[in-house]
Amino acid sequence: MTGTHFLIVILVILFINTAFYLYARKKLGIPKPSWWYKPVNSTQGLLEIVLLILLGFSLFRFPPENMLILFLFLTNCLRTFMEWKYRREEKQYVHYLFGAALLLVIYVYICIFF
């Protein structure tokens, strides 16, 4: 996959995700989160650090584009689960669930066509 094509795919993901988030915030009444994500508990923070370390090691062995998308997918899945389990009333998990589904579609797209 060329760098230009990957950049276009990332920008499309960013645009779709932002559009959905603005729609979901308005429709579901999701409160605006802080600029930097704060983990729900220390277990989530530790798991995200482990995922980041695994990303660093996997970049030497696998294609970086695939690993970045896979890392973002796993992080969104983890955040979806933790937000759903511990902060269900804020409905923030809907945004992370949509992001995970979108990243899964993009990951399959990259694996099939590149």
PDB file of N, CA and C in Angstrom:
ATOM      1  N   MET A   1       0.850  -1.175   0.000  1.00  0.00           N
ATOM      2  CA  MET A   1       0.000   0.000   0.000  1.00  0.00           C
ATOM      3  C   MET A   1       0.891   1.232   0.000  1.00  0.00           C
ATOM      4  N   THR A   2       0.606   2.142  -0.889  1.00  0.00           N
ATOM      5  CA  THR A   2       1.403   3.360  -0.962  1.00  0.00           C
ATOM      6  C   THR A   2       1.013   4.308   0.169  1.00  0.00           C
ATOM      7  N   GLY A   3       1.931   5.184   0.489  1.00  0.00           N
ATOM      8  CA  GLY A   3       1.690   6.127   1.565  1.00  0.00           C
ATOM      9  C   GLY A   3       0.539   7.077   1.276  1.00  0.00           C
ATOM     10  N   THR A   4       0.403   7.479   0.009  1.00  0.00           N
ATOM     11  CA  THR A   4      -0.672   8.398  -0.363  1.00  0.00           C
ATOM     12  C   THR A   4      -2.032   7.736  -0.217  1.00  0.00           C
ATOM     13  N   HIS A   5      -2.131   6.496  -0.663  1.00  0.00           N
ATOM     14  CA  HIS A   5      -3.403   5.778  -0.559  1.00  0.00           C
ATOM     15  C   HIS A   5      -3.771   5.556   0.908  1.00  0.00           C
ATOM     16  N   PHE A   6      -2.785   5.204   1.728  1.00  0.00           N
ATOM     17  CA  PHE A   6      -3.045   4.999   3.160  1.00  0.00           C
ATOM     18  C   PHE A   6      -3.496   6.300   3.813  1.00  0.00           C
ATOM     19  N   LEU A   7      -2.883   7.407   3.452  1.00  0.00           N
ATOM     20  CA  LEU A   7      -3.268   8.707   4.000  1.00  0.00           C
ATOM     21  C   LEU A   7      -4.704   9.059   3.613  1.00  0.00           C
ATOM     22  N   ILE A   8      -5.080   8.776   2.380  1.00  0.00           N
ATOM     23  CA  ILE A   8      -6.456   9.039   1.944  1.00  0.00           C
ATOM     24  C   ILE A   8      -7.434   8.180   2.727  1.00  0.00           C
ATOM     25  N   VAL A   9      -7.094   6.911   2.943  1.00  0.00           N
ATOM     26  CA  VAL A   9      -7.965   6.015   3.712  1.00  0.00           C
ATOM     27  C   VAL A   9      -8.115   6.524   5.143  1.00  0.00           C
ATOM     28  N   ILE A  10      -7.027   6.954   5.756  1.00  0.00           N
ATOM     29  CA  ILE A  10      -7.075   7.474   7.129  1.00  0.00           C
ATOM     30  C   ILE A  10      -7.926   8.741   7.189  1.00  0.00           C
ATOM     31  N   LEU A  11      -7.794   9.629   6.220  1.00  0.00           N
ATOM     32  CA  LEU A  11      -8.599  10.856   6.212  1.00  0.00           C
ATOM     33  C   LEU A  11     -10.078  10.562   6.023  1.00  0.00           C
ATOM     34  N   VAL A  12     -10.405   9.580   5.195  1.00  0.00           N
ATOM     35  CA  VAL A  12     -11.801   9.186   5.023  1.00  0.00           C
ATOM     36  C   VAL A  12     -12.354   8.610   6.321  1.00  0.00           C
ATOM     37  N   ILE A  13     -11.568   7.769   6.991  1.00  0.00           N
ATOM     38  CA  ILE A  13     -11.986   7.217   8.285  1.00  0.00           C
ATOM     39  C   ILE A  13     -12.237   8.348   9.278  1.00  0.00           C
ATOM     40  N   LEU A  14     -11.319   9.282   9.339  1.00  0.00           N
ATOM     41  CA  LEU A  14     -11.444  10.402  10.263  1.00  0.00           C
ATOM     42  C   LEU A  14     -12.697  11.220   9.990  1.00  0.00           C
ATOM     43  N   PHE A  15     -12.979  11.490   8.728  1.00  0.00           N
ATOM     44  CA  PHE A  15     -14.160  12.260   8.368  1.00  0.00           C
ATOM     45  C   PHE A  15     -15.448  11.518   8.737  1.00  0.00           C
ATOM     46  N   ILE A  16     -15.544  10.242   8.379  1.00  0.00           N
ATOM     47  CA  ILE A  16     -16.750   9.462   8.679  1.00  0.00           C
ATOM     48  C   ILE A  16     -16.954   9.326  10.181  1.00  0.00           C
ATOM     49  N   ASN A  17     -15.881   9.055  10.896  1.00  0.00           N
ATOM     50  CA  ASN A  17     -15.974   8.900  12.349  1.00  0.00           C
ATOM     51  C   ASN A  17     -16.399  10.202  13.027  1.00  0.00           C
ATOM     52  N   THR A  18     -15.855  11.314  12.585  1.00  0.00           N
ATOM     53  CA  THR A  18     -16.223  12.606  13.170  1.00  0.00           C
ATOM     54  C   THR A  18     -17.673  12.960  12.858  1.00  0.00           C
ATOM     55  N   ALA A  19     -18.095  12.704  11.629  1.00  0.00           N
ATOM     56  CA  ALA A  19     -19.490  12.982  11.256  1.00  0.00           C
ATOM     57  C   ALA A  19     -20.454  12.141  12.084  1.00  0.00           C
ATOM     58  N   PHE A  20     -20.150  10.857  12.258  1.00  0.00           N
ATOM     59  CA  PHE A  20     -21.013  10.004  13.068  1.00  0.00           C
ATOM     60  C   PHE A  20     -21.021  10.457  14.518  1.00  0.00           C
ATOM     61  N   TYR A  21     -19.845  10.833  15.032  1.00  0.00           N
ATOM     62  CA  TYR A  21     -19.765  11.254  16.426  1.00  0.00           C
ATOM     63  C   TYR A  21     -20.599  12.504  16.671  1.00  0.00           C
ATOM     64  N   LEU A  22     -20.526  13.451  15.765  1.00  0.00           N
ATOM     65  CA  LEU A  22     -21.332  14.669  15.938  1.00  0.00           C
ATOM     66  C   LEU A  22     -22.824  14.344  15.867  1.00  0.00           C
ATOM     67  N   TYR A  23     -23.198  13.456  14.966  1.00  0.00           N
ATOM     68  CA  TYR A  23     -24.596  13.025  14.862  1.00  0.00           C
ATOM     69  C   TYR A  23     -25.044  12.287  16.130  1.00  0.00           C
ATOM     70  N   ALA A  24     -24.210  11.378  16.615  1.00  0.00           N
ATOM     71  CA  ALA A  24     -24.564  10.594  17.807  1.00  0.00           C
ATOM     72  C   ALA A  24     -24.624  11.475  19.049  1.00  0.00           C
ATOM     73  N   ARG A  25     -23.720  12.448  19.155  1.00  0.00           N
ATOM     74  CA  ARG A  25     -23.769  13.360  20.307  1.00  0.00           C
ATOM     75  C   ARG A  25     -25.082  14.127  20.333  1.00  0.00           C
ATOM     76  N   LYS A  26     -25.523  14.556  19.165  1.00  0.00           N
ATOM     77  CA  LYS A  26     -26.759  15.333  19.076  1.00  0.00           C
ATOM     78  C   LYS A  26     -27.976  14.444  19.316  1.00  0.00           C
ATOM     79  N   LYS A  27     -27.988  13.270  18.705  1.00  0.00           N
ATOM     80  CA  LYS A  27     -29.150  12.388  18.758  1.00  0.00           C
ATOM     81  C   LYS A  27     -29.290  11.664  20.100  1.00  0.00           C
ATOM     82  N   LEU A  28     -28.174  11.168  20.645  1.00  0.00           N
ATOM     83  CA  LEU A  28     -28.218  10.373  21.873  1.00  0.00           C
ATOM     84  C   LEU A  28     -27.909  11.172  23.133  1.00  0.00           C
ATOM     85  N   GLY A  29     -27.493  12.403  22.970  1.00  0.00           N
ATOM     86  CA  GLY A  29     -27.182  13.224  24.135  1.00  0.00           C
ATOM     87  C   GLY A  29     -25.897  12.808  24.828  1.00  0.00           C
ATOM     88  N   ILE A  30     -24.915  12.406  24.051  1.00  0.00           N
ATOM     89  CA  ILE A  30     -23.625  11.994  24.620  1.00  0.00           C
ATOM     90  C   ILE A  30     -22.884  13.243  25.070  1.00  0.00           C
ATOM     91  N   PRO A  31     -22.408  13.275  26.320  1.00  0.00           N
ATOM     92  CA  PRO A  31     -21.670  14.461  26.777  1.00  0.00           C
ATOM     93  C   PRO A  31     -20.330  14.578  26.074  1.00  0.00           C
ATOM     94  N   LYS A  32     -19.869  15.806  25.926  1.00  0.00           N
ATOM     95  CA  LYS A  32     -18.593  16.043  25.258  1.00  0.00           C
ATOM     96  C   LYS A  32     -17.459  15.594  26.180  1.00  0.00           C
ATOM     97  N   PRO A  33     -16.606  14.685  25.699  1.00  0.00           N
ATOM     98  CA  PRO A  33     -15.507  14.211  26.552  1.00  0.00           C
ATOM     99  C   PRO A  33     -14.374  15.227  26.593  1.00  0.00           C
ATOM    100  N   SER A  34     -13.448  14.985  27.504  1.00  0.00           N
ATOM    101  CA  SER A  34     -12.282  15.856  27.572  1.00  0.00           C
ATOM    102  C   SER A  34     -11.404  15.598  26.346  1.00  0.00           C
ATOM    103  N   TRP A  35     -10.441  16.479  26.115  1.00  0.00           N
ATOM    104  CA  TRP A  35      -9.610  16.382  24.932  1.00  0.00           C
ATOM    105  C   TRP A  35      -8.778  15.108  24.946  1.00  0.00           C
ATOM    106  N   TRP A  36      -8.253  14.716  26.092  1.00  0.00           N
ATOM    107  CA  TRP A  36      -7.426  13.529  26.230  1.00  0.00           C
ATOM    108  C   TRP A  36      -8.238  12.442  26.908  1.00  0.00           C
ATOM    109  N   TYR A  37      -8.216  11.235  26.370  1.00  0.00           N
ATOM    110  CA  TYR A  37      -9.001  10.134  26.922  1.00  0.00           C
ATOM    111  C   TYR A  37      -8.433   9.692  28.265  1.00  0.00           C
ATOM    112  N   LYS A  38      -9.307   9.580  29.249  1.00  0.00           N
ATOM    113  CA  LYS A  38      -8.927   9.080  30.567  1.00  0.00           C
ATOM    114  C   LYS A  38      -9.523   7.691  30.735  1.00  0.00           C
ATOM    115  N   PRO A  39      -8.692   6.686  31.031  1.00  0.00           N
ATOM    116  CA  PRO A  39      -9.216   5.327  31.189  1.00  0.00           C
ATOM    117  C   PRO A  39     -10.249   5.250  32.306  1.00  0.00           C
ATOM    118  N   VAL A  40     -11.155   4.289  32.175  1.00  0.00           N
ATOM    119  CA  VAL A  40     -12.208   4.098  33.162  1.00  0.00           C
ATOM    120  C   VAL A  40     -11.611   3.636  34.481  1.00  0.00           C
ATOM    121  N   ASN A  41     -10.664   2.711  34.411  1.00  0.00           N
ATOM    122  CA  ASN A  41      -9.989   2.241  35.612  1.00  0.00           C
ATOM    123  C   ASN A  41      -8.535   1.905  35.282  1.00  0.00           C
ATOM    124  N   SER A  42      -7.779   1.494  36.298  1.00  0.00           N
ATOM    125  CA  SER A  42      -6.356   1.236  36.083  1.00  0.00           C
ATOM    126  C   SER A  42      -6.118   0.009  35.210  1.00  0.00           C
ATOM    127  N   THR A  43      -7.033  -0.946  35.233  1.00  0.00           N
ATOM    128  CA  THR A  43      -6.885  -2.134  34.384  1.00  0.00           C
ATOM    129  C   THR A  43      -6.911  -1.745  32.914  1.00  0.00           C
ATOM    130  N   GLN A  44      -7.813  -0.869  32.551  1.00  0.00           N
ATOM    131  CA  GLN A  44      -7.889  -0.427  31.157  1.00  0.00           C
ATOM    132  C   GLN A  44      -6.617   0.313  30.766  1.00  0.00           C
ATOM    133  N   GLY A  45      -6.132   1.172  31.626  1.00  0.00           N
ATOM    134  CA  GLY A  45      -4.893   1.893  31.343  1.00  0.00           C
ATOM    135  C   GLY A  45      -3.728   0.943  31.136  1.00  0.00           C
ATOM    136  N   LEU A  46      -3.633  -0.083  31.975  1.00  0.00           N
ATOM    137  CA  LEU A  46      -2.564  -1.073  31.853  1.00  0.00           C
ATOM    138  C   LEU A  46      -2.695  -1.862  30.553  1.00  0.00           C
ATOM    139  N   LEU A  47      -3.923  -2.273  30.197  1.00  0.00           N
ATOM    140  CA  LEU A  47      -4.135  -3.018  28.959  1.00  0.00           C
ATOM    141  C   LEU A  47      -3.799  -2.178  27.723  1.00  0.00           C
ATOM    142  N   GLU A  48      -4.105  -0.893  27.769  1.00  0.00           N
ATOM    143  CA  GLU A  48      -3.770  -0.032  26.632  1.00  0.00           C
ATOM    144  C   GLU A  48      -2.256   0.155  26.508  1.00  0.00           C
ATOM    145  N   ILE A  49      -1.554   0.211  27.622  1.00  0.00           N
ATOM    146  CA  ILE A  49      -0.093   0.298  27.572  1.00  0.00           C
ATOM    147  C   ILE A  49       0.499  -0.983  26.995  1.00  0.00           C
ATOM    148  N   VAL A  50      -0.044  -2.136  27.400  1.00  0.00           N
ATOM    149  CA  VAL A  50       0.424  -3.413  26.856  1.00  0.00           C
ATOM    150  C   VAL A  50       0.172  -3.472  25.347  1.00  0.00           C
ATOM    151  N   LEU A  51      -0.997  -3.015  24.900  1.00  0.00           N
ATOM    152  CA  LEU A  51      -1.282  -2.984  23.462  1.00  0.00           C
ATOM    153  C   LEU A  51      -0.302  -2.074  22.720  1.00  0.00           C
ATOM    154  N   LEU A  52       0.048  -0.962  23.319  1.00  0.00           N
ATOM    155  CA  LEU A  52       0.995  -0.036  22.694  1.00  0.00           C
ATOM    156  C   LEU A  52       2.385  -0.660  22.592  1.00  0.00           C
ATOM    157  N   ILE A  53       2.806  -1.372  23.629  1.00  0.00           N
ATOM    158  CA  ILE A  53       4.103  -2.057  23.591  1.00  0.00           C
ATOM    159  C   ILE A  53       4.097  -3.149  22.521  1.00  0.00           C
ATOM    160  N   LEU A  54       3.001  -3.905  22.452  1.00  0.00           N
ATOM    161  CA  LEU A  54       2.897  -4.940  21.422  1.00  0.00           C
ATOM    162  C   LEU A  54       2.912  -4.332  20.014  1.00  0.00           C
ATOM    163  N   LEU A  55       2.313  -3.164  19.856  1.00  0.00           N
ATOM    164  CA  LEU A  55       2.367  -2.468  18.570  1.00  0.00           C
ATOM    165  C   LEU A  55       3.805  -2.135  18.211  1.00  0.00           C
ATOM    166  N   GLY A  56       4.545  -1.643  19.177  1.00  0.00           N
ATOM    167  CA  GLY A  56       5.947  -1.298  18.917  1.00  0.00           C
ATOM    168  C   GLY A  56       6.755  -2.488  18.455  1.00  0.00           C
ATOM    169  N   PHE A  57       6.572  -3.648  19.091  1.00  0.00           N
ATOM    170  CA  PHE A  57       7.308  -4.840  18.677  1.00  0.00           C
ATOM    171  C   PHE A  57       6.827  -5.381  17.339  1.00  0.00           C
ATOM    172  N   SER A  58       5.540  -5.286  17.080  1.00  0.00           N
ATOM    173  CA  SER A  58       5.003  -5.859  15.840  1.00  0.00           C
ATOM    174  C   SER A  58       5.354  -5.026  14.608  1.00  0.00           C
ATOM    175  N   LEU A  59       5.698  -3.763  14.796  1.00  0.00           N
ATOM    176  CA  LEU A  59       6.053  -2.915  13.653  1.00  0.00           C
ATOM    177  C   LEU A  59       7.316  -3.398  12.953  1.00  0.00           C
ATOM    178  N   PHE A  60       8.176  -4.126  13.680  1.00  0.00           N
ATOM    179  CA  PHE A  60       9.396  -4.647  13.072  1.00  0.00           C
ATOM    180  C   PHE A  60       9.151  -5.885  12.220  1.00  0.00           C
ATOM    181  N   ARG A  61       8.049  -6.568  12.457  1.00  0.00           N
ATOM    182  CA  ARG A  61       7.806  -7.851  11.796  1.00  0.00           C
ATOM    183  C   ARG A  61       6.698  -7.804  10.740  1.00  0.00           C
ATOM    184  N   PHE A  62       5.701  -6.949  10.931  1.00  0.00           N
ATOM    185  CA  PHE A  62       4.535  -6.910  10.056  1.00  0.00           C
ATOM    186  C   PHE A  62       4.418  -5.529   9.399  1.00  0.00           C
ATOM    187  N   PRO A  63       3.581  -5.419   8.357  1.00  0.00           N
ATOM    188  CA  PRO A  63       3.406  -4.106   7.707  1.00  0.00           C
ATOM    189  C   PRO A  63       2.824  -3.070   8.685  1.00  0.00           C
ATOM    190  N   PRO A  64       3.418  -1.894   8.733  1.00  0.00           N
ATOM    191  CA  PRO A  64       2.970  -0.881   9.697  1.00  0.00           C
ATOM    192  C   PRO A  64       1.517  -0.448   9.501  1.00  0.00           C
ATOM    193  N   GLU A  65       1.047  -0.411   8.245  1.00  0.00           N
ATOM    194  CA  GLU A  65      -0.337   0.017   8.006  1.00  0.00           C
ATOM    195  C   GLU A  65      -1.319  -0.946   8.664  1.00  0.00           C
ATOM    196  N   ASN A  66      -1.078  -2.235   8.471  1.00  0.00           N
ATOM    197  CA  ASN A  66      -1.961  -3.238   9.067  1.00  0.00           C
ATOM    198  C   ASN A  66      -1.919  -3.185  10.591  1.00  0.00           C
ATOM    199  N   MET A  67      -0.728  -3.036  11.126  1.00  0.00           N
ATOM    200  CA  MET A  67      -0.592  -3.042  12.584  1.00  0.00           C
ATOM    201  C   MET A  67      -1.225  -1.803  13.211  1.00  0.00           C
ATOM    202  N   LEU A  68      -1.115  -0.663  12.545  1.00  0.00           N
ATOM    203  CA  LEU A  68      -1.731   0.551  13.076  1.00  0.00           C
ATOM    204  C   LEU A  68      -3.249   0.421  13.109  1.00  0.00           C
ATOM    205  N   ILE A  69      -3.839  -0.052  12.012  1.00  0.00           N
ATOM    206  CA  ILE A  69      -5.291  -0.222  11.964  1.00  0.00           C
ATOM    207  C   ILE A  69      -5.734  -1.266  12.981  1.00  0.00           C
ATOM    208  N   LEU A  70      -4.995  -2.378  13.088  1.00  0.00           N
ATOM    209  CA  LEU A  70      -5.333  -3.420  14.050  1.00  0.00           C
ATOM    210  C   LEU A  70      -5.219  -2.906  15.486  1.00  0.00           C
ATOM    211  N   PHE A  71      -4.178  -2.116  15.767  1.00  0.00           N
ATOM    212  CA  PHE A  71      -4.023  -1.533  17.102  1.00  0.00           C
ATOM    213  C   PHE A  71      -5.191  -0.606  17.437  1.00  0.00           C
ATOM    214  N   LEU A  72      -5.558   0.250  16.501  1.00  0.00           N
ATOM    215  CA  LEU A  72      -6.687   1.156  16.745  1.00  0.00           C
ATOM    216  C   LEU A  72      -7.988   0.384  16.929  1.00  0.00           C
ATOM    217  N   PHE A  73      -8.171  -0.689  16.159  1.00  0.00           N
ATOM    218  CA  PHE A  73      -9.358  -1.528  16.301  1.00  0.00           C
ATOM    219  C   PHE A  73      -9.410  -2.157  17.691  1.00  0.00           C
ATOM    220  N   LEU A  74      -8.304  -2.749  18.127  1.00  0.00           N
ATOM    221  CA  LEU A  74      -8.282  -3.391  19.446  1.00  0.00           C
ATOM    222  C   LEU A  74      -8.468  -2.381  20.576  1.00  0.00           C
ATOM    223  N   THR A  75      -7.878  -1.209  20.420  1.00  0.00           N
ATOM    224  CA  THR A  75      -8.048  -0.164  21.430  1.00  0.00           C
ATOM    225  C   THR A  75      -9.506   0.286  21.507  1.00  0.00           C
ATOM    226  N   ASN A  76     -10.152   0.471  20.355  1.00  0.00           N
ATOM    227  CA  ASN A  76     -11.561   0.855  20.351  1.00  0.00           C
ATOM    228  C   ASN A  76     -12.444  -0.240  20.928  1.00  0.00           C
ATOM    229  N   CYS A  77     -12.113  -1.502  20.647  1.00  0.00           N
ATOM    230  CA  CYS A  77     -12.884  -2.614  21.238  1.00  0.00           C
ATOM    231  C   CYS A  77     -12.749  -2.618  22.753  1.00  0.00           C
ATOM    232  N   LEU A  78     -11.532  -2.412  23.241  1.00  0.00           N
ATOM    233  CA  LEU A  78     -11.304  -2.360  24.685  1.00  0.00           C
ATOM    234  C   LEU A  78     -12.060  -1.192  25.313  1.00  0.00           C
ATOM    235  N   ARG A  79     -11.996  -0.039  24.693  1.00  0.00           N
ATOM    236  CA  ARG A  79     -12.700   1.128  25.221  1.00  0.00           C
ATOM    237  C   ARG A  79     -14.214   0.943  25.171  1.00  0.00           C
ATOM    238  N   THR A  80     -14.706   0.307  24.108  1.00  0.00           N
ATOM    239  CA  THR A  80     -16.142   0.034  24.003  1.00  0.00           C
ATOM    240  C   THR A  80     -16.597  -0.829  25.166  1.00  0.00           C
ATOM    241  N   PHE A  81     -15.861  -1.902  25.405  1.00  0.00           N
ATOM    242  CA  PHE A  81     -16.239  -2.810  26.482  1.00  0.00           C
ATOM    243  C   PHE A  81     -16.181  -2.125  27.841  1.00  0.00           C
ATOM    244  N   MET A  82     -15.104  -1.411  28.106  1.00  0.00           N
ATOM    245  CA  MET A  82     -14.952  -0.760  29.417  1.00  0.00           C
ATOM    246  C   MET A  82     -15.986   0.344  29.630  1.00  0.00           C
ATOM    247  N   GLU A  83     -16.236   1.134  28.605  1.00  0.00           N
ATOM    248  CA  GLU A  83     -17.250   2.189  28.729  1.00  0.00           C
ATOM    249  C   GLU A  83     -18.640   1.580  28.913  1.00  0.00           C
ATOM    250  N   TRP A  84     -18.922   0.505  28.195  1.00  0.00           N
ATOM    251  CA  TRP A  84     -20.226  -0.148  28.321  1.00  0.00           C
ATOM    252  C   TRP A  84     -20.387  -0.773  29.698  1.00  0.00           C
ATOM    253  N   LYS A  85     -19.336  -1.362  30.219  1.00  0.00           N
ATOM    254  CA  LYS A  85     -19.424  -2.050  31.508  1.00  0.00           C
ATOM    255  C   LYS A  85     -19.480  -1.073  32.684  1.00  0.00           C
ATOM    256  N   TYR A  86     -18.694  -0.006  32.635  1.00  0.00           N
ATOM    257  CA  TYR A  86     -18.570   0.859  33.807  1.00  0.00           C
ATOM    258  C   TYR A  86     -19.237   2.227  33.673  1.00  0.00           C
ATOM    259  N   ARG A  87     -19.448   2.729  32.476  1.00  0.00           N
ATOM    260  CA  ARG A  87     -20.071   4.048  32.291  1.00  0.00           C
ATOM    261  C   ARG A  87     -21.184   3.972  31.256  1.00  0.00           C
ATOM    262  N   ARG A  88     -22.082   3.064  31.435  1.00  0.00           N
ATOM    263  CA  ARG A  88     -23.132   2.838  30.444  1.00  0.00           C
ATOM    264  C   ARG A  88     -24.051   4.047  30.289  1.00  0.00           C
ATOM    265  N   GLU A  89     -24.300   4.776  31.351  1.00  0.00           N
ATOM    266  CA  GLU A  89     -25.250   5.888  31.293  1.00  0.00           C
ATOM    267  C   GLU A  89     -24.762   7.050  30.441  1.00  0.00           C
ATOM    268  N   GLU A  90     -23.440   7.160  30.227  1.00  0.00           N
ATOM    269  CA  GLU A  90     -22.918   8.253  29.400  1.00  0.00           C
ATOM    270  C   GLU A  90     -23.037   7.966  27.907  1.00  0.00           C
ATOM    271  N   LYS A  91     -23.234   6.715  27.526  1.00  0.00           N
ATOM    272  CA  LYS A  91     -23.429   6.276  26.135  1.00  0.00           C
ATOM    273  C   LYS A  91     -22.229   6.566  25.238  1.00  0.00           C
ATOM    274  N   GLN A  92     -21.076   6.779  25.806  1.00  0.00           N
ATOM    275  CA  GLN A  92     -19.867   7.033  25.024  1.00  0.00           C
ATOM    276  C   GLN A  92     -19.433   5.775  24.275  1.00  0.00           C
ATOM    277  N   TYR A  93     -19.842   4.623  24.772  1.00  0.00           N
ATOM    278  CA  TYR A  93     -19.463   3.357  24.142  1.00  0.00           C
ATOM    279  C   TYR A  93     -20.012   3.238  22.718  1.00  0.00           C
ATOM    280  N   VAL A  94     -21.092   3.944  22.398  1.00  0.00           N
ATOM    281  CA  VAL A  94     -21.660   3.903  21.047  1.00  0.00           C
ATOM    282  C   VAL A  94     -20.650   4.450  20.038  1.00  0.00           C
ATOM    283  N   HIS A  95     -19.985   5.512  20.408  1.00  0.00           N
ATOM    284  CA  HIS A  95     -18.982   6.110  19.524  1.00  0.00           C
ATOM    285  C   HIS A  95     -17.814   5.157  19.310  1.00  0.00           C
ATOM    286  N   TYR A  96     -17.331   4.533  20.369  1.00  0.00           N
ATOM    287  CA  TYR A  96     -16.206   3.614  20.234  1.00  0.00           C
ATOM    288  C   TYR A  96     -16.601   2.350  19.477  1.00  0.00           C
ATOM    289  N   LEU A  97     -17.833   1.909  19.643  1.00  0.00           N
ATOM    290  CA  LEU A  97     -18.314   0.741  18.909  1.00  0.00           C
ATOM    291  C   LEU A  97     -18.365   1.037  17.405  1.00  0.00           C
ATOM    292  N   PHE A  98     -18.853   2.206  17.035  1.00  0.00           N
ATOM    293  CA  PHE A  98     -18.879   2.588  15.627  1.00  0.00           C
ATOM    294  C   PHE A  98     -17.458   2.700  15.081  1.00  0.00           C
ATOM    295  N   GLY A  99     -16.566   3.284  15.859  1.00  0.00           N
ATOM    296  CA  GLY A  99     -15.173   3.398  15.424  1.00  0.00           C
ATOM    297  C   GLY A  99     -14.529   2.036  15.225  1.00  0.00           C
ATOM    298  N   ALA A 100     -14.829   1.092  16.124  1.00  0.00           N
ATOM    299  CA  ALA A 100     -14.274  -0.260  15.983  1.00  0.00           C
ATOM    300  C   ALA A 100     -14.828  -0.938  14.735  1.00  0.00           C
ATOM    301  N   ALA A 101     -16.109  -0.789  14.477  1.00  0.00           N
ATOM    302  CA  ALA A 101     -16.710  -1.396  13.281  1.00  0.00           C
ATOM    303  C   ALA A 101     -16.113  -0.779  12.020  1.00  0.00           C
ATOM    304  N   LEU A 102     -15.928   0.521  12.021  1.00  0.00           N
ATOM    305  CA  LEU A 102     -15.342   1.199  10.862  1.00  0.00           C
ATOM    306  C   LEU A 102     -13.903   0.744  10.637  1.00  0.00           C
ATOM    307  N   LEU A 103     -13.141   0.604  11.691  1.00  0.00           N
ATOM    308  CA  LEU A 103     -11.759   0.150  11.557  1.00  0.00           C
ATOM    309  C   LEU A 103     -11.686  -1.303  11.102  1.00  0.00           C
ATOM    310  N   LEU A 104     -12.644  -2.122  11.524  1.00  0.00           N
ATOM    311  CA  LEU A 104     -12.677  -3.498  11.057  1.00  0.00           C
ATOM    312  C   LEU A 104     -12.932  -3.554   9.550  1.00  0.00           C
ATOM    313  N   VAL A 105     -13.847  -2.733   9.079  1.00  0.00           N
ATOM    314  CA  VAL A 105     -14.120  -2.670   7.638  1.00  0.00           C
ATOM    315  C   VAL A 105     -12.875  -2.211   6.887  1.00  0.00           C
ATOM    316  N   ILE A 106     -12.185  -1.213   7.386  1.00  0.00           N
ATOM    317  CA  ILE A 106     -10.980  -0.717   6.731  1.00  0.00           C
ATOM    318  C   ILE A 106      -9.871  -1.762   6.767  1.00  0.00           C
ATOM    319  N   TYR A 107      -9.751  -2.495   7.875  1.00  0.00           N
ATOM    320  CA  TYR A 107      -8.733  -3.543   7.977  1.00  0.00           C
ATOM    321  C   TYR A 107      -8.992  -4.649   6.947  1.00  0.00           C
ATOM    322  N   VAL A 108     -10.239  -5.049   6.807  1.00  0.00           N
ATOM    323  CA  VAL A 108     -10.585  -6.059   5.807  1.00  0.00           C
ATOM    324  C   VAL A 108     -10.315  -5.519   4.408  1.00  0.00           C
ATOM    325  N   TYR A 109     -10.637  -4.270   4.171  1.00  0.00           N
ATOM    326  CA  TYR A 109     -10.362  -3.632   2.878  1.00  0.00           C
ATOM    327  C   TYR A 109      -8.871  -3.669   2.558  1.00  0.00           C
ATOM    328  N   ILE A 110      -8.051  -3.327   3.524  1.00  0.00           N
ATOM    329  CA  ILE A 110      -6.609  -3.323   3.306  1.00  0.00           C
ATOM    330  C   ILE A 110      -6.092  -4.735   3.073  1.00  0.00           C
ATOM    331  N   CYS A 111      -6.578  -5.704   3.847  1.00  0.00           N
ATOM    332  CA  CYS A 111      -6.114  -7.082   3.680  1.00  0.00           C
ATOM    333  C   CYS A 111      -6.533  -7.679   2.337  1.00  0.00           C
ATOM    334  N   ILE A 112      -7.684  -7.337   1.850  1.00  0.00           N
ATOM    335  CA  ILE A 112      -8.166  -7.911   0.583  1.00  0.00           C
ATOM    336  C   ILE A 112      -7.496  -7.248  -0.617  1.00  0.00           C
ATOM    337  N   PHE A 113      -7.401  -5.949  -0.629  1.00  0.00           N
ATOM    338  CA  PHE A 113      -6.955  -5.251  -1.814  1.00  0.00           C
ATOM    339  C   PHE A 113      -5.470  -4.909  -1.831  1.00  0.00           C
ATOM    340  N   PHE A 114      -4.741  -5.146  -0.746  1.00  0.00           N
ATOM    341  CA  PHE A 114      -3.320  -4.786  -0.744  1.00  0.00           C
ATOM    342  C   PHE A 114      -2.488  -5.872  -0.126  1.00  0.00           C
TER     343      PHE A 114
END
